[in-house]
Amino acid sequence: MTTTTIQVPEETRDHLAQLAEERGLGLGRLVAQIAARQPSAAQIAERVATTRQVLRDRMGCTLTDEECEQGPNVLAHVYALAAGKLHSEWTRGA
C-alpha cells in the first residue's frame, strides 16, 4: 500500500497519536478508520437517492425529490403514507 504524508497542527497530531495509542493502533490506521466513517458528498447523495427509491418502490411513497427536500417534516409524511397504506391493506383484507 502506498502511503503519504499529511500536515496538521502539532496539537492535532498529538491528539490523534493519543487516540491511536488508546485504541492500540498506529496513527495511519486511526486516520484511515476515521476517514472511512465520513462519507463524501457524493456518497451521501447516492444514499439519499437510494433511500428515496426504496421509499417509492416498497412503501408507495409519492413524494417528489423537491418535496423530500422541503424540510424536516418529510419523515412525518413518509410515516403517514406508510400508515395509510397499511390501514388500506388491512381494511381491504378484513
PDB file of N, CA and C in Angstrom:
ATOM      1  N   MET A   1       0.841  -1.168   0.000  1.00  0.00           N
ATOM      2  CA  MET A   1       0.000   0.000   0.000  1.00  0.00           C
ATOM      3  C   MET A   1       0.889   1.234   0.000  1.00  0.00           C
ATOM      4  N   THR A   2       0.540   2.167  -0.839  1.00  0.00           N
ATOM      5  CA  THR A   2       1.268   3.418  -0.911  1.00  0.00           C
ATOM      6  C   THR A   2       0.814   4.321   0.219  1.00  0.00           C
ATOM      7  N   THR A   3       1.748   5.015   0.828  1.00  0.00           N
ATOM      8  CA  THR A   3       1.401   5.949   1.904  1.00  0.00           C
ATOM      9  C   THR A   3       1.821   7.347   1.509  1.00  0.00           C
ATOM     10  N   THR A   4       1.321   8.312   2.256  1.00  0.00           N
ATOM     11  CA  THR A   4       1.648   9.703   2.005  1.00  0.00           C
ATOM     12  C   THR A   4       1.743  10.437   3.331  1.00  0.00           C
ATOM     13  N   THR A   5       2.140  11.654   3.276  1.00  0.00           N
ATOM     14  CA  THR A   5       2.259  12.477   4.481  1.00  0.00           C
ATOM     15  C   THR A   5       1.209  13.567   4.425  1.00  0.00           C
ATOM     16  N   ILE A   6       0.548  13.801   5.550  1.00  0.00           N
ATOM     17  CA  ILE A   6      -0.375  14.930   5.642  1.00  0.00           C
ATOM     18  C   ILE A   6       0.134  15.856   6.727  1.00  0.00           C
ATOM     19  N   GLN A   7      -0.099  17.130   6.528  1.00  0.00           N
ATOM     20  CA  GLN A   7       0.366  18.105   7.506  1.00  0.00           C
ATOM     21  C   GLN A   7      -0.810  18.602   8.330  1.00  0.00           C
ATOM     22  N   VAL A   8      -0.657  18.520   9.638  1.00  0.00           N
ATOM     23  CA  VAL A   8      -1.660  19.013  10.571  1.00  0.00           C
ATOM     24  C   VAL A   8      -0.939  19.776  11.673  1.00  0.00           C
ATOM     25  N   PRO A   9      -1.657  20.624  12.386  1.00  0.00           N
ATOM     26  CA  PRO A   9      -1.028  21.304  13.519  1.00  0.00           C
ATOM     27  C   PRO A   9      -0.529  20.280  14.546  1.00  0.00           C
ATOM     28  N   GLU A  10       0.495  20.652  15.276  1.00  0.00           N
ATOM     29  CA  GLU A  10       1.079  19.757  16.276  1.00  0.00           C
ATOM     30  C   GLU A  10       0.050  19.244  17.264  1.00  0.00           C
ATOM     31  N   GLU A  11      -0.843  20.131  17.691  1.00  0.00           N
ATOM     32  CA  GLU A  11      -1.856  19.733  18.670  1.00  0.00           C
ATOM     33  C   GLU A  11      -2.752  18.619  18.100  1.00  0.00           C
ATOM     34  N   THR A  12      -3.079  18.739  16.836  1.00  0.00           N
ATOM     35  CA  THR A  12      -3.911  17.726  16.185  1.00  0.00           C
ATOM     36  C   THR A  12      -3.157  16.412  16.101  1.00  0.00           C
ATOM     37  N   ARG A  13      -1.897  16.489  15.702  1.00  0.00           N
ATOM     38  CA  ARG A  13      -1.081  15.273  15.630  1.00  0.00           C
ATOM     39  C   ARG A  13      -0.990  14.597  16.986  1.00  0.00           C
ATOM     40  N   ASP A  14      -0.760  15.383  18.029  1.00  0.00           N
ATOM     41  CA  ASP A  14      -0.636  14.811  19.369  1.00  0.00           C
ATOM     42  C   ASP A  14      -1.948  14.169  19.818  1.00  0.00           C
ATOM     43  N   HIS A  15      -3.048  14.839  19.516  1.00  0.00           N
ATOM     44  CA  HIS A  15      -4.356  14.297  19.887  1.00  0.00           C
ATOM     45  C   HIS A  15      -4.614  12.978  19.145  1.00  0.00           C
ATOM     46  N   LEU A  16      -4.342  12.967  17.853  1.00  0.00           N
ATOM     47  CA  LEU A  16      -4.530  11.741  17.078  1.00  0.00           C
ATOM     48  C   LEU A  16      -3.615  10.624  17.581  1.00  0.00           C
ATOM     49  N   ALA A  17      -2.400  10.969  17.917  1.00  0.00           N
ATOM     50  CA  ALA A  17      -1.459   9.967  18.436  1.00  0.00           C
ATOM     51  C   ALA A  17      -1.977   9.373  19.738  1.00  0.00           C
ATOM     52  N   GLN A  18      -2.541  10.209  20.606  1.00  0.00           N
ATOM     53  CA  GLN A  18      -3.093   9.723  21.869  1.00  0.00           C
ATOM     54  C   GLN A  18      -4.277   8.790  21.610  1.00  0.00           C
ATOM     55  N   LEU A  19      -5.156   9.193  20.705  1.00  0.00           N
ATOM     56  CA  LEU A  19      -6.300   8.341  20.361  1.00  0.00           C
ATOM     57  C   LEU A  19      -5.840   7.002  19.788  1.00  0.00           C
ATOM     58  N   ALA A  20      -4.857   7.060  18.906  1.00  0.00           N
ATOM     59  CA  ALA A  20      -4.338   5.832  18.297  1.00  0.00           C
ATOM     60  C   ALA A  20      -3.758   4.911  19.360  1.00  0.00           C
ATOM     61  N   GLU A  21      -2.999   5.482  20.269  1.00  0.00           N
ATOM     62  CA  GLU A  21      -2.391   4.667  21.336  1.00  0.00           C
ATOM     63  C   GLU A  21      -3.465   4.028  22.209  1.00  0.00           C
ATOM     64  N   GLU A  22      -4.481   4.796  22.561  1.00  0.00           N
ATOM     65  CA  GLU A  22      -5.564   4.271  23.399  1.00  0.00           C
ATOM     66  C   GLU A  22      -6.296   3.118  22.715  1.00  0.00           C
ATOM     67  N   ARG A  23      -6.327   3.129  21.404  1.00  0.00           N
ATOM     68  CA  ARG A  23      -7.027   2.084  20.658  1.00  0.00           C
ATOM     69  C   ARG A  23      -6.090   0.965  20.186  1.00  0.00           C
ATOM     70  N   GLY A  24      -4.817   1.117  20.501  1.00  0.00           N
ATOM     71  CA  GLY A  24      -3.854   0.097  20.088  1.00  0.00           C
ATOM     72  C   GLY A  24      -3.606   0.092  18.585  1.00  0.00           C
ATOM     73  N   LEU A  25      -3.675   1.270  17.969  1.00  0.00           N
ATOM     74  CA  LEU A  25      -3.494   1.395  16.526  1.00  0.00           C
ATOM     75  C   LEU A  25      -2.320   2.290  16.215  1.00  0.00           C
ATOM     76  N   GLY A  26      -1.839   2.157  14.999  1.00  0.00           N
ATOM     77  CA  GLY A  26      -0.884   3.131  14.500  1.00  0.00           C
ATOM     78  C   GLY A  26      -1.646   4.375  14.073  1.00  0.00           C
ATOM     79  N   LEU A  27      -0.947   5.485  13.981  1.00  0.00           N
ATOM     80  CA  LEU A  27      -1.577   6.741  13.612  1.00  0.00           C
ATOM     81  C   LEU A  27      -2.222   6.672  12.225  1.00  0.00           C
ATOM     82  N   GLY A  28      -1.538   6.073  11.275  1.00  0.00           N
ATOM     83  CA  GLY A  28      -2.091   5.954   9.926  1.00  0.00           C
ATOM     84  C   GLY A  28      -3.370   5.135   9.900  1.00  0.00           C
ATOM     85  N   ARG A  29      -3.384   4.055  10.657  1.00  0.00           N
ATOM     86  CA  ARG A  29      -4.595   3.201  10.701  1.00  0.00           C
ATOM     87  C   ARG A  29      -5.760   3.949  11.339  1.00  0.00           C
ATOM     88  N   LEU A  30      -5.486   4.730  12.388  1.00  0.00           N
ATOM     89  CA  LEU A  30      -6.537   5.520  13.023  1.00  0.00           C
ATOM     90  C   LEU A  30      -7.123   6.522  12.040  1.00  0.00           C
ATOM     91  N   VAL A  31      -6.273   7.238  11.338  1.00  0.00           N
ATOM     92  CA  VAL A  31      -6.745   8.225  10.365  1.00  0.00           C
ATOM     93  C   VAL A  31      -7.559   7.524   9.273  1.00  0.00           C
ATOM     94  N   ALA A  32      -7.120   6.359   8.842  1.00  0.00           N
ATOM     95  CA  ALA A  32      -7.862   5.609   7.824  1.00  0.00           C
ATOM     96  C   ALA A  32      -9.245   5.219   8.338  1.00  0.00           C
ATOM     97  N   GLN A  33      -9.336   4.794   9.597  1.00  0.00           N
ATOM     98  CA  GLN A  33     -10.628   4.429  10.177  1.00  0.00           C
ATOM     99  C   GLN A  33     -11.552   5.641  10.275  1.00  0.00           C
ATOM    100  N   ILE A  34     -11.010   6.756  10.712  1.00  0.00           N
ATOM    101  CA  ILE A  34     -11.809   7.985  10.818  1.00  0.00           C
ATOM    102  C   ILE A  34     -12.320   8.390   9.442  1.00  0.00           C
ATOM    103  N   ALA A  35     -11.457   8.368   8.456  1.00  0.00           N
ATOM    104  CA  ALA A  35     -11.840   8.761   7.104  1.00  0.00           C
ATOM    105  C   ALA A  35     -12.901   7.817   6.534  1.00  0.00           C
ATOM    106  N   ALA A  36     -12.782   6.539   6.834  1.00  0.00           N
ATOM    107  CA  ALA A  36     -13.736   5.557   6.310  1.00  0.00           C
ATOM    108  C   ALA A  36     -15.142   5.781   6.863  1.00  0.00           C
ATOM    109  N   ARG A  37     -15.238   6.385   8.037  1.00  0.00           N
ATOM    110  CA  ARG A  37     -16.541   6.633   8.665  1.00  0.00           C
ATOM    111  C   ARG A  37     -17.196   7.920   8.191  1.00  0.00           C
ATOM    112  N   GLN A  38     -16.491   8.710   7.417  1.00  0.00           N
ATOM    113  CA  GLN A  38     -17.006  10.003   6.962  1.00  0.00           C
ATOM    114  C   GLN A  38     -17.348   9.937   5.486  1.00  0.00           C
ATOM    115  N   PRO A  39     -18.644   9.833   5.159  1.00  0.00           N
ATOM    116  CA  PRO A  39     -18.992   9.749   3.739  1.00  0.00           C
ATOM    117  C   PRO A  39     -18.762  11.073   3.020  1.00  0.00           C
ATOM    118  N   SER A  40     -18.409  10.973   1.766  1.00  0.00           N
ATOM    119  CA  SER A  40     -18.233  12.164   0.937  1.00  0.00           C
ATOM    120  C   SER A  40     -19.612  12.682   0.521  1.00  0.00           C
ATOM    121  N   ALA A  41     -19.655  13.876  -0.029  1.00  0.00           N
ATOM    122  CA  ALA A  41     -20.919  14.449  -0.508  1.00  0.00           C
ATOM    123  C   ALA A  41     -21.541  13.541  -1.564  1.00  0.00           C
ATOM    124  N   ALA A  42     -20.726  12.973  -2.434  1.00  0.00           N
ATOM    125  CA  ALA A  42     -21.236  12.076  -3.476  1.00  0.00           C
ATOM    126  C   ALA A  42     -21.827  10.808  -2.858  1.00  0.00           C
ATOM    127  N   GLN A  43     -21.184  10.265  -1.831  1.00  0.00           N
ATOM    128  CA  GLN A  43     -21.703   9.074  -1.168  1.00  0.00           C
ATOM    129  C   GLN A  43     -23.024   9.377  -0.458  1.00  0.00           C
ATOM    130  N   ILE A  44     -23.118  10.539   0.169  1.00  0.00           N
ATOM    131  CA  ILE A  44     -24.360  10.929   0.833  1.00  0.00           C
ATOM    132  C   ILE A  44     -25.476  11.075  -0.185  1.00  0.00           C
ATOM    133  N   ALA A  45     -25.182  11.729  -1.300  1.00  0.00           N
ATOM    134  CA  ALA A  45     -26.184  11.907  -2.356  1.00  0.00           C
ATOM    135  C   ALA A  45     -26.659  10.557  -2.885  1.00  0.00           C
ATOM    136  N   GLU A  46     -25.745   9.618  -3.033  1.00  0.00           N
ATOM    137  CA  GLU A  46     -26.110   8.281  -3.511  1.00  0.00           C
ATOM    138  C   GLU A  46     -27.013   7.576  -2.505  1.00  0.00           C
ATOM    139  N   ARG A  47     -26.700   7.699  -1.215  1.00  0.00           N
ATOM    140  CA  ARG A  47     -27.538   7.091  -0.174  1.00  0.00           C
ATOM    141  C   ARG A  47     -28.932   7.707  -0.164  1.00  0.00           C
ATOM    142  N   VAL A  48     -29.000   9.023  -0.302  1.00  0.00           N
ATOM    143  CA  VAL A  48     -30.292   9.714  -0.326  1.00  0.00           C
ATOM    144  C   VAL A  48     -31.117   9.223  -1.512  1.00  0.00           C
ATOM    145  N   ALA A  49     -30.503   9.149  -2.679  1.00  0.00           N
ATOM    146  CA  ALA A  49     -31.215   8.693  -3.876  1.00  0.00           C
ATOM    147  C   ALA A  49     -31.697   7.254  -3.707  1.00  0.00           C
ATOM    148  N   THR A  50     -30.863   6.403  -3.146  1.00  0.00           N
ATOM    149  CA  THR A  50     -31.234   5.008  -2.926  1.00  0.00           C
ATOM    150  C   THR A  50     -32.384   4.907  -1.931  1.00  0.00           C
ATOM    151  N   THR A  51     -32.309   5.681  -0.854  1.00  0.00           N
ATOM    152  CA  THR A  51     -33.365   5.665   0.155  1.00  0.00           C
ATOM    153  C   THR A  51     -34.682   6.134  -0.438  1.00  0.00           C
ATOM    154  N   ARG A  52     -34.645   7.200  -1.216  1.00  0.00           N
ATOM    155  CA  ARG A  52     -35.871   7.688  -1.855  1.00  0.00           C
ATOM    156  C   ARG A  52     -36.458   6.635  -2.784  1.00  0.00           C
ATOM    157  N   GLN A  53     -35.606   5.946  -3.518  1.00  0.00           N
ATOM    158  CA  GLN A  53     -36.102   4.919  -4.431  1.00  0.00           C
ATOM    159  C   GLN A  53     -36.743   3.774  -3.662  1.00  0.00           C
ATOM    160  N   VAL A  54     -36.149   3.388  -2.542  1.00  0.00           N
ATOM    161  CA  VAL A  54     -36.727   2.333  -1.706  1.00  0.00           C
ATOM    162  C   VAL A  54     -38.085   2.779  -1.177  1.00  0.00           C
ATOM    163  N   LEU A  55     -38.181   4.028  -0.726  1.00  0.00           N
ATOM    164  CA  LEU A  55     -39.464   4.545  -0.246  1.00  0.00           C
ATOM    165  C   LEU A  55     -40.524   4.475  -1.336  1.00  0.00           C
ATOM    166  N   ARG A  56     -40.120   4.803  -2.539  1.00  0.00           N
ATOM    167  CA  ARG A  56     -41.078   4.783  -3.653  1.00  0.00           C
ATOM    168  C   ARG A  56     -41.468   3.349  -4.034  1.00  0.00           C
ATOM    169  N   ASP A  57     -40.479   2.468  -4.109  1.00  0.00           N
ATOM    170  CA  ASP A  57     -40.723   1.104  -4.555  1.00  0.00           C
ATOM    171  C   ASP A  57     -41.445   0.253  -3.514  1.00  0.00           C
ATOM    172  N   ARG A  58     -41.042   0.381  -2.266  1.00  0.00           N
ATOM    173  CA  ARG A  58     -41.549  -0.538  -1.240  1.00  0.00           C
ATOM    174  C   ARG A  58     -42.666   0.033  -0.386  1.00  0.00           C
ATOM    175  N   MET A  59     -42.740   1.352  -0.306  1.00  0.00           N
ATOM    176  CA  MET A  59     -43.748   1.947   0.570  1.00  0.00           C
ATOM    177  C   MET A  59     -44.793   2.744  -0.206  1.00  0.00           C
ATOM    178  N   GLY A  60     -44.644   2.817  -1.504  1.00  0.00           N
ATOM    179  CA  GLY A  60     -45.604   3.558  -2.288  1.00  0.00           C
ATOM    180  C   GLY A  60     -45.552   5.056  -2.040  1.00  0.00           C
ATOM    181  N   CYS A  61     -44.410   5.530  -1.607  1.00  0.00           N
ATOM    182  CA  CYS A  61     -44.230   6.951  -1.321  1.00  0.00           C
ATOM    183  C   CYS A  61     -44.264   7.736  -2.629  1.00  0.00           C
ATOM    184  N   THR A  62     -45.122   8.750  -2.676  1.00  0.00           N
ATOM    185  CA  THR A  62     -45.272   9.523  -3.901  1.00  0.00           C
ATOM    186  C   THR A  62     -44.609  10.892  -3.817  1.00  0.00           C
ATOM    187  N   LEU A  63     -43.847  11.131  -2.774  1.00  0.00           N
ATOM    188  CA  LEU A  63     -43.184  12.423  -2.636  1.00  0.00           C
ATOM    189  C   LEU A  63     -42.117  12.590  -3.712  1.00  0.00           C
ATOM    190  N   THR A  64     -42.078  13.756  -4.312  1.00  0.00           N
ATOM    191  CA  THR A  64     -41.045  14.063  -5.297  1.00  0.00           C
ATOM    192  C   THR A  64     -39.759  14.411  -4.569  1.00  0.00           C
ATOM    193  N   ASP A  65     -38.662  14.474  -5.313  1.00  0.00           N
ATOM    194  CA  ASP A  65     -37.390  14.890  -4.710  1.00  0.00           C
ATOM    195  C   ASP A  65     -37.520  16.284  -4.112  1.00  0.00           C
ATOM    196  N   GLU A  66     -38.228  17.165  -4.798  1.00  0.00           N
ATOM    197  CA  GLU A  66     -38.398  18.539  -4.307  1.00  0.00           C
ATOM    198  C   GLU A  66     -39.161  18.544  -2.986  1.00  0.00           C
ATOM    199  N   GLU A  67     -40.195  17.720  -2.882  1.00  0.00           N
ATOM    200  CA  GLU A  67     -40.957  17.635  -1.634  1.00  0.00           C
ATOM    201  C   GLU A  67     -40.100  17.058  -0.515  1.00  0.00           C
ATOM    202  N   CYS A  68     -39.273  16.092  -0.842  1.00  0.00           N
ATOM    203  CA  CYS A  68     -38.391  15.496   0.162  1.00  0.00           C
ATOM    204  C   CYS A  68     -37.391  16.511   0.701  1.00  0.00           C
ATOM    205  N   GLU A  69     -37.003  17.456  -0.141  1.00  0.00           N
ATOM    206  CA  GLU A  69     -36.003  18.441   0.253  1.00  0.00           C
ATOM    207  C   GLU A  69     -36.591  19.634   0.995  1.00  0.00           C
ATOM    208  N   GLN A  70     -37.918  19.673   1.133  1.00  0.00           N
ATOM    209  CA  GLN A  70     -38.554  20.825   1.751  1.00  0.00           C
ATOM    210  C   GLN A  70     -38.310  20.944   3.244  1.00  0.00           C
ATOM    211  N   GLY A  71     -37.948  19.887   3.887  1.00  0.00           N
ATOM    212  CA  GLY A  71     -37.662  20.093   5.287  1.00  0.00           C
ATOM    213  C   GLY A  71     -37.831  18.892   6.173  1.00  0.00           C
ATOM    214  N   PRO A  72     -37.809  19.152   7.465  1.00  0.00           N
ATOM    215  CA  PRO A  72     -37.782  18.079   8.462  1.00  0.00           C
ATOM    216  C   PRO A  72     -39.077  17.295   8.587  1.00  0.00           C
ATOM    217  N   ASN A  73     -40.174  17.778   8.021  1.00  0.00           N
ATOM    218  CA  ASN A  73     -41.436  17.060   8.149  1.00  0.00           C
ATOM    219  C   ASN A  73     -41.583  15.924   7.139  1.00  0.00           C
ATOM    220  N   VAL A  74     -40.577  15.710   6.326  1.00  0.00           N
ATOM    221  CA  VAL A  74     -40.656  14.668   5.307  1.00  0.00           C
ATOM    222  C   VAL A  74     -40.864  13.303   5.947  1.00  0.00           C
ATOM    223  N   LEU A  75     -40.146  13.020   7.029  1.00  0.00           N
ATOM    224  CA  LEU A  75     -40.285  11.723   7.674  1.00  0.00           C
ATOM    225  C   LEU A  75     -41.710  11.536   8.193  1.00  0.00           C
ATOM    226  N   ALA A  76     -42.314  12.587   8.709  1.00  0.00           N
ATOM    227  CA  ALA A  76     -43.701  12.500   9.170  1.00  0.00           C
ATOM    228  C   ALA A  76     -44.621  12.162   8.001  1.00  0.00           C
ATOM    229  N   HIS A  77     -44.371  12.757   6.836  1.00  0.00           N
ATOM    230  CA  HIS A  77     -45.172  12.440   5.648  1.00  0.00           C
ATOM    231  C   HIS A  77     -44.989  10.985   5.233  1.00  0.00           C
ATOM    232  N   VAL A  78     -43.765  10.504   5.306  1.00  0.00           N
ATOM    233  CA  VAL A  78     -43.489   9.112   4.943  1.00  0.00           C
ATOM    234  C   VAL A  78     -44.229   8.182   5.894  1.00  0.00           C
ATOM    235  N   TYR A  79     -44.179   8.479   7.199  1.00  0.00           N
ATOM    236  CA  TYR A  79     -44.896   7.652   8.179  1.00  0.00           C
ATOM    237  C   TYR A  79     -46.399   7.686   7.906  1.00  0.00           C
ATOM    238  N   ALA A  80     -46.935   8.852   7.576  1.00  0.00           N
ATOM    239  CA  ALA A  80     -48.366   8.968   7.291  1.00  0.00           C
ATOM    240  C   ALA A  80     -48.733   8.157   6.057  1.00  0.00           C
ATOM    241  N   LEU A  81     -47.907   8.229   5.020  1.00  0.00           N
ATOM    242  CA  LEU A  81     -48.168   7.438   3.812  1.00  0.00           C
ATOM    243  C   LEU A  81     -48.140   5.945   4.119  1.00  0.00           C
ATOM    244  N   ALA A  82     -47.129   5.531   4.894  1.00  0.00           N
ATOM    245  CA  ALA A  82     -46.998   4.114   5.240  1.00  0.00           C
ATOM    246  C   ALA A  82     -48.183   3.663   6.083  1.00  0.00           C
ATOM    247  N   ALA A  83     -48.599   4.480   7.039  1.00  0.00           N
ATOM    248  CA  ALA A  83     -49.735   4.132   7.882  1.00  0.00           C
ATOM    249  C   ALA A  83     -51.010   4.039   7.049  1.00  0.00           C
ATOM    250  N   GLY A  84     -51.182   4.980   6.130  1.00  0.00           N
ATOM    251  CA  GLY A  84     -52.355   4.938   5.260  1.00  0.00           C
ATOM    252  C   GLY A  84     -52.379   3.702   4.388  1.00  0.00           C
ATOM    253  N   LYS A  85     -51.238   3.355   3.873  1.00  0.00           N
ATOM    254  CA  LYS A  85     -51.145   2.160   3.026  1.00  0.00           C
ATOM    255  C   LYS A  85     -51.456   0.907   3.842  1.00  0.00           C
ATOM    256  N   LEU A  86     -50.896   0.816   5.037  1.00  0.00           N
ATOM    257  CA  LEU A  86     -51.150  -0.325   5.908  1.00  0.00           C
ATOM    258  C   LEU A  86     -52.620  -0.403   6.281  1.00  0.00           C
ATOM    259  N   HIS A  87     -53.196   0.732   6.638  1.00  0.00           N
ATOM    260  CA  HIS A  87     -54.618   0.761   7.005  1.00  0.00           C
ATOM    261  C   HIS A  87     -55.477   0.315   5.827  1.00  0.00           C
ATOM    262  N   SER A  88     -55.162   0.791   4.647  1.00  0.00           N
ATOM    263  CA  SER A  88     -55.904   0.431   3.440  1.00  0.00           C
ATOM    264  C   SER A  88     -55.811  -1.063   3.176  1.00  0.00           C
ATOM    265  N   GLU A  89     -54.622  -1.627   3.310  1.00  0.00           N
ATOM    266  CA  GLU A  89     -54.447  -3.066   3.087  1.00  0.00           C
ATOM    267  C   GLU A  89     -55.157  -3.874   4.152  1.00  0.00           C
ATOM    268  N   TRP A  90     -55.136  -3.380   5.382  1.00  0.00           N
ATOM    269  CA  TRP A  90     -55.762  -4.088   6.493  1.00  0.00           C
ATOM    270  C   TRP A  90     -57.289  -4.107   6.332  1.00  0.00           C
ATOM    271  N   THR A  91     -57.872  -2.963   6.015  1.00  0.00           N
ATOM    272  CA  THR A  91     -59.330  -2.898   5.876  1.00  0.00           C
ATOM    273  C   THR A  91     -59.805  -3.642   4.635  1.00  0.00           C
ATOM    274  N   ARG A  92     -58.988  -3.679   3.609  1.00  0.00           N
ATOM    275  CA  ARG A  92     -59.341  -4.425   2.410  1.00  0.00           C
ATOM    276  C   ARG A  92     -59.367  -5.918   2.681  1.00  0.00           C
ATOM    277  N   GLY A  93     -58.450  -6.352   3.545  1.00  0.00           N
ATOM    278  CA  GLY A  93     -58.351  -7.792   3.853  1.00  0.00           C
ATOM    279  C   GLY A  93     -59.332  -8.235   4.923  1.00  0.00           C
ATOM    280  N   ALA A  94     -59.962  -7.290   5.616  1.00  0.00           N
ATOM    281  CA  ALA A  94     -60.867  -7.651   6.719  1.00  0.00           C
ATOM    282  C   ALA A  94     -62.225  -8.088   6.257  1.00  0.00           C
TER     283      ALA A  94
END
